[in-house]
Amino acid sequence: MTEDNKKTPEFQDREDNRSMQEIHSAAFRESPLPEEGNERGPIWMYAVIILTFAFGFFYIGRYLGEVSDRAHVLFTAPPTEAVEEIEVDLIAEGQRIYGRVCQACHQANGQGIAGVFPTLAGTEWVVEQPDKSVLMILNGLQGELVRERATYNGVMPPFARQLDDFEIAAVVSYIRNAFGNEGSEIDPDRVARIRELTADISGAYNPQTIVETAARIGAELAE
C-alpha cells in the first residue's frame, strides 16, 4: 500500500473535544422569537393615535360649551321684566299692504281702472259700509257693478287665505282714510267676527249677494 493510501479521508469522522456549550454558542446568541399576537407596532402609528386623542379632547373642550341645565332654565323660566308692548299704526300698516296687494288693480291714487276696477275715493261701500269691504276682501267680488253712472265688470280675487284679520282691518282702515276719504279704523276683532259668521260661504260675492250677506250679519255684529 502506498503512502497516499494511508492518509485518512477528509470525510471520515473526527473526534471533537468541544463542550456542548461551545458547540451551541451560536444558538445561544440568537434573540428569542416573539410570541404571536404580541408584536409591537411601528412608532409612527402610536404617535398618530396619541395626536388624534389630543386633538379630540381639545376640540370637545373648545366647542362643546358649558354642560349644565342653565339653558333649559333660561327658556322655561318666566321673564323677569315685563315686555313692552309695541303699538302698531294700523293705517300705516294698511298702506303697506295696499301697495303690495291692492295697488295693481285700484292704482296708487285709488281711482281704479275705468270699466274694470272701481274707484275707492268717496265710495259708499268703503266710507259708510266698511263691512262690505271686509266681505269683498275675504271672498272676492265678481259681476257687473254700477257706481255713479259708471259700470265695472272686473273680478276681485279672494284674500281670506293670504291676509289675516289684522291685515284686513289695516287695509280697510287705510282706504277709509286715503284718497280723500274720512272714516274710523276697523277693529281686527270685528274682521274676525265677520270671517266667523261667513265661514260657510264659498265662492265670490256678486253685487246682490254681498248686500244680502251684509244685512244678514249686521244684527249679529251689533250685539
Protein backbone atom coordinates (compact mmCIF):
# COMPACT_ATOMS: atom_id res chain seq x y z
CA MET A 1 0.00 0.00 0.00
CA THR A 2 1.44 3.35 -0.96
CA GLU A 3 1.83 6.33 1.35
CA ASP A 4 -1.06 8.19 -0.26
CA ASN A 5 -3.39 5.35 0.50
CA LYS A 6 -2.52 5.51 4.16
CA LYS A 7 -3.93 9.09 4.55
CA THR A 8 -7.26 9.43 6.40
CA PRO A 9 -10.10 10.53 4.09
CA GLU A 10 -11.47 14.07 4.78
CA PHE A 11 -14.99 12.83 5.24
CA GLN A 12 -14.01 10.40 7.95
CA ASP A 13 -15.38 11.19 11.45
CA ARG A 14 -13.04 13.11 13.67
CA GLU A 15 -13.03 13.39 17.39
CA ASP A 16 -14.46 16.70 18.61
CA ASN A 17 -13.43 17.69 22.11
CA ARG A 18 -15.54 20.87 22.33
CA SER A 19 -18.11 21.12 25.10
CA MET A 20 -21.83 21.24 24.41
CA GLN A 21 -21.94 24.94 25.36
CA GLU A 22 -19.24 25.74 22.81
CA ILE A 23 -20.99 23.76 20.11
CA HIS A 24 -24.35 25.59 20.68
CA SER A 25 -22.91 29.01 21.48
CA ALA A 26 -24.23 30.41 18.18
CA ALA A 27 -27.76 29.34 19.08
CA PHE A 28 -27.45 30.99 22.50
CA ARG A 29 -26.53 34.28 20.86
CA GLU A 30 -29.77 34.43 18.81
CA SER A 31 -32.70 36.52 20.15
CA PRO A 32 -35.82 34.58 21.11
CA LEU A 33 -38.63 34.60 18.57
CA PRO A 34 -41.56 36.89 19.59
CA GLU A 35 -44.78 35.24 20.58
CA GLU A 36 -47.61 35.54 18.06
CA GLY A 37 -50.01 38.39 18.81
CA ASN A 38 -47.55 40.41 20.89
CA GLU A 39 -45.65 42.05 18.07
CA ARG A 40 -45.02 45.75 18.63
CA GLY A 41 -46.33 48.17 16.02
CA PRO A 42 -44.35 50.94 14.39
CA ILE A 43 -43.64 54.07 16.40
CA TRP A 44 -45.40 56.35 13.91
CA MET A 45 -48.68 54.51 14.50
CA TYR A 46 -48.56 55.22 18.24
CA ALA A 47 -47.75 58.87 17.51
CA VAL A 48 -50.80 59.19 15.24
CA ILE A 49 -53.08 57.65 17.88
CA ILE A 50 -51.80 59.98 20.61
CA LEU A 51 -52.18 63.06 18.39
CA THR A 52 -55.73 62.01 17.41
CA PHE A 53 -56.81 61.72 21.04
CA ALA A 54 -55.14 65.01 21.89
CA PHE A 55 -56.95 66.81 19.06
CA GLY A 56 -60.28 65.20 20.02
CA PHE A 57 -60.05 66.37 23.64
CA PHE A 58 -59.05 69.85 22.50
CA TYR A 59 -61.97 70.08 20.03
CA ILE A 60 -64.54 68.87 22.57
CA GLY A 61 -63.25 71.26 25.20
CA ARG A 62 -63.21 74.17 22.77
CA TYR A 63 -66.60 73.77 21.07
CA LEU A 64 -68.81 71.66 23.33
CA GLY A 65 -69.69 74.62 25.51
CA GLU A 66 -70.95 74.61 29.02
CA VAL A 67 -72.59 71.40 30.21
CA SER A 68 -75.35 72.46 32.57
CA ASP A 69 -79.12 72.89 32.83
CA ARG A 70 -78.89 76.69 32.69
CA ALA A 71 -80.02 76.78 29.04
CA HIS A 72 -83.24 74.94 29.86
CA VAL A 73 -83.87 77.18 32.84
CA LEU A 74 -83.46 80.29 30.70
CA PHE A 75 -86.04 79.06 28.19
CA THR A 76 -88.60 77.82 30.71
CA ALA A 77 -88.38 80.50 33.37
CA PRO A 78 -90.86 83.37 33.08
CA PRO A 79 -89.38 86.72 32.07
CA THR A 80 -88.21 88.80 34.99
CA GLU A 81 -89.17 92.06 33.31
CA ALA A 82 -92.46 93.00 31.67
CA VAL A 83 -92.28 93.01 27.88
CA GLU A 84 -93.07 96.42 26.48
CA GLU A 85 -95.96 96.32 24.04
CA ILE A 86 -95.26 97.95 20.69
CA GLU A 87 -98.15 99.98 19.36
CA VAL A 88 -98.70 99.35 15.66
CA ASP A 89 -100.02 102.11 13.41
CA LEU A 90 -102.97 100.36 11.76
CA ILE A 91 -103.28 102.82 8.88
CA ALA A 92 -99.55 102.84 8.13
CA GLU A 93 -99.55 99.04 8.06
CA GLY A 94 -102.62 99.14 5.82
CA GLN A 95 -100.84 101.44 3.38
CA ARG A 96 -98.01 98.93 3.11
CA ILE A 97 -100.45 96.06 2.47
CA TYR A 98 -102.39 98.14 -0.06
CA GLY A 99 -99.21 98.77 -2.04
CA ARG A 100 -98.43 95.05 -2.06
CA VAL A 101 -101.90 93.59 -2.70
CA CYS A 102 -104.38 96.19 -3.98
CA GLN A 103 -102.47 98.86 -5.85
CA ALA A 104 -102.05 96.90 -9.09
CA CYS A 105 -105.83 96.99 -9.66
CA HIS A 106 -107.08 100.06 -7.78
CA GLN A 107 -103.96 102.12 -8.59
CA ALA A 108 -101.82 104.20 -6.25
CA ASN A 109 -104.36 107.04 -6.25
CA GLY A 110 -107.31 104.72 -5.58
CA GLN A 111 -109.04 105.67 -8.85
CA GLY A 112 -109.03 102.12 -10.24
CA ILE A 113 -109.28 101.34 -13.96
CA ALA A 114 -112.27 102.54 -15.94
CA GLY A 115 -114.72 99.78 -16.77
CA VAL A 116 -112.77 97.15 -14.84
CA PHE A 117 -111.85 98.11 -11.26
CA PRO A 118 -113.95 100.73 -9.44
CA THR A 119 -112.58 103.79 -7.69
CA LEU A 120 -112.17 103.75 -3.91
CA ALA A 121 -112.42 107.51 -3.50
CA GLY A 122 -115.74 108.56 -1.95
CA THR A 123 -117.21 105.08 -2.41
CA GLU A 124 -120.21 104.28 -0.20
CA TRP A 125 -119.09 100.70 0.47
CA VAL A 126 -115.73 101.98 1.68
CA VAL A 127 -116.69 105.03 3.70
CA GLU A 128 -120.19 104.27 5.01
CA GLN A 129 -120.42 100.46 4.85
CA PRO A 130 -116.95 99.09 5.65
CA ASP A 131 -118.29 95.61 6.44
CA LYS A 132 -118.89 95.16 2.71
CA SER A 133 -115.25 96.00 2.06
CA VAL A 134 -114.27 93.27 4.53
CA LEU A 135 -116.60 90.79 2.81
CA MET A 136 -115.14 91.60 -0.61
CA ILE A 137 -111.58 91.12 0.63
CA LEU A 138 -112.46 87.80 2.28
CA ASN A 139 -114.34 86.13 -0.59
CA GLY A 140 -113.80 88.36 -3.63
CA LEU A 141 -116.35 90.01 -5.92
CA GLN A 142 -117.47 89.43 -9.47
CA GLY A 143 -120.30 90.56 -11.73
CA GLU A 144 -121.47 93.87 -13.13
CA LEU A 145 -121.18 96.72 -10.66
CA VAL A 146 -122.66 100.19 -11.22
CA ARG A 147 -121.11 103.12 -9.38
CA GLU A 148 -122.03 106.75 -10.04
CA ARG A 149 -123.29 106.02 -13.54
CA ALA A 150 -120.09 104.05 -14.28
CA THR A 151 -120.25 100.32 -14.93
CA TYR A 152 -117.47 97.94 -13.90
CA ASN A 153 -117.25 94.29 -14.76
CA GLY A 154 -113.95 93.09 -13.34
CA VAL A 155 -113.15 90.23 -10.96
CA MET A 156 -111.70 90.72 -7.48
CA PRO A 157 -109.96 87.59 -6.12
CA PRO A 158 -110.44 86.43 -2.51
CA PHE A 159 -107.74 87.14 0.07
CA ALA A 160 -109.09 85.19 3.06
CA ARG A 161 -106.11 82.83 3.00
CA GLN A 162 -103.46 85.42 2.15
CA LEU A 163 -104.41 88.05 4.75
CA ASP A 164 -105.19 87.57 8.43
CA ASP A 165 -107.72 89.56 10.44
CA PHE A 166 -105.25 92.26 11.44
CA GLU A 167 -104.05 92.77 7.88
CA ILE A 168 -107.60 93.05 6.51
CA ALA A 169 -108.52 95.53 9.26
CA ALA A 170 -105.38 97.52 8.44
CA VAL A 171 -106.00 97.79 4.70
CA VAL A 172 -109.69 98.67 5.16
CA SER A 173 -108.73 101.31 7.73
CA TYR A 174 -106.24 102.72 5.24
CA ILE A 175 -108.62 103.03 2.27
CA ARG A 176 -111.20 104.64 4.61
CA ASN A 177 -108.65 107.38 5.35
CA ALA A 178 -106.97 107.77 1.96
CA PHE A 179 -107.92 109.21 -1.44
CA GLY A 180 -109.92 111.98 0.23
CA ASN A 181 -111.92 109.56 2.41
CA GLU A 182 -112.51 110.13 6.11
CA GLY A 183 -113.54 107.20 8.26
CA SER A 184 -112.78 105.41 11.50
CA GLU A 185 -110.41 102.48 11.85
CA ILE A 186 -111.75 98.91 11.76
CA ASP A 187 -111.08 96.68 14.74
CA PRO A 188 -109.37 93.35 13.85
CA ASP A 189 -111.81 91.63 16.24
CA ARG A 190 -114.70 92.80 14.04
CA VAL A 191 -112.97 91.32 10.99
CA ALA A 192 -112.52 88.05 12.87
CA ARG A 193 -116.23 88.04 13.72
CA ILE A 194 -117.22 88.68 10.09
CA ARG A 195 -114.93 85.86 8.98
CA GLU A 196 -116.59 83.55 11.51
CA LEU A 197 -120.14 84.48 10.51
CA THR A 198 -119.42 83.91 6.81
CA ALA A 199 -117.27 80.80 7.13
CA ASP A 200 -119.92 78.71 5.36
CA ILE A 201 -119.87 80.91 2.25
CA SER A 202 -117.72 79.72 -0.63
CA GLY A 203 -117.05 81.47 -3.89
CA ALA A 204 -117.06 85.14 -4.75
CA TYR A 205 -119.92 87.52 -3.96
CA ASN A 206 -121.80 89.43 -6.62
CA PRO A 207 -123.30 92.91 -6.02
CA GLN A 208 -126.59 91.41 -4.86
CA THR A 209 -125.33 88.63 -2.57
CA ILE A 210 -122.86 90.91 -0.82
CA VAL A 211 -125.67 93.31 0.09
CA GLU A 212 -127.79 90.41 1.38
CA THR A 213 -124.89 88.97 3.40
CA ALA A 214 -124.03 92.33 4.96
CA ALA A 215 -127.66 92.77 6.02
CA ARG A 216 -127.83 89.24 7.47
CA ILE A 217 -124.75 89.56 9.65
CA GLY A 218 -125.39 93.19 10.59
CA ALA A 219 -127.68 92.30 13.52
CA GLU A 220 -125.24 89.80 14.96
CA LEU A 221 -122.37 92.24 14.65
CA ALA A 222 -124.38 94.84 16.52
CA GLU A 223 -124.80 92.60 19.59
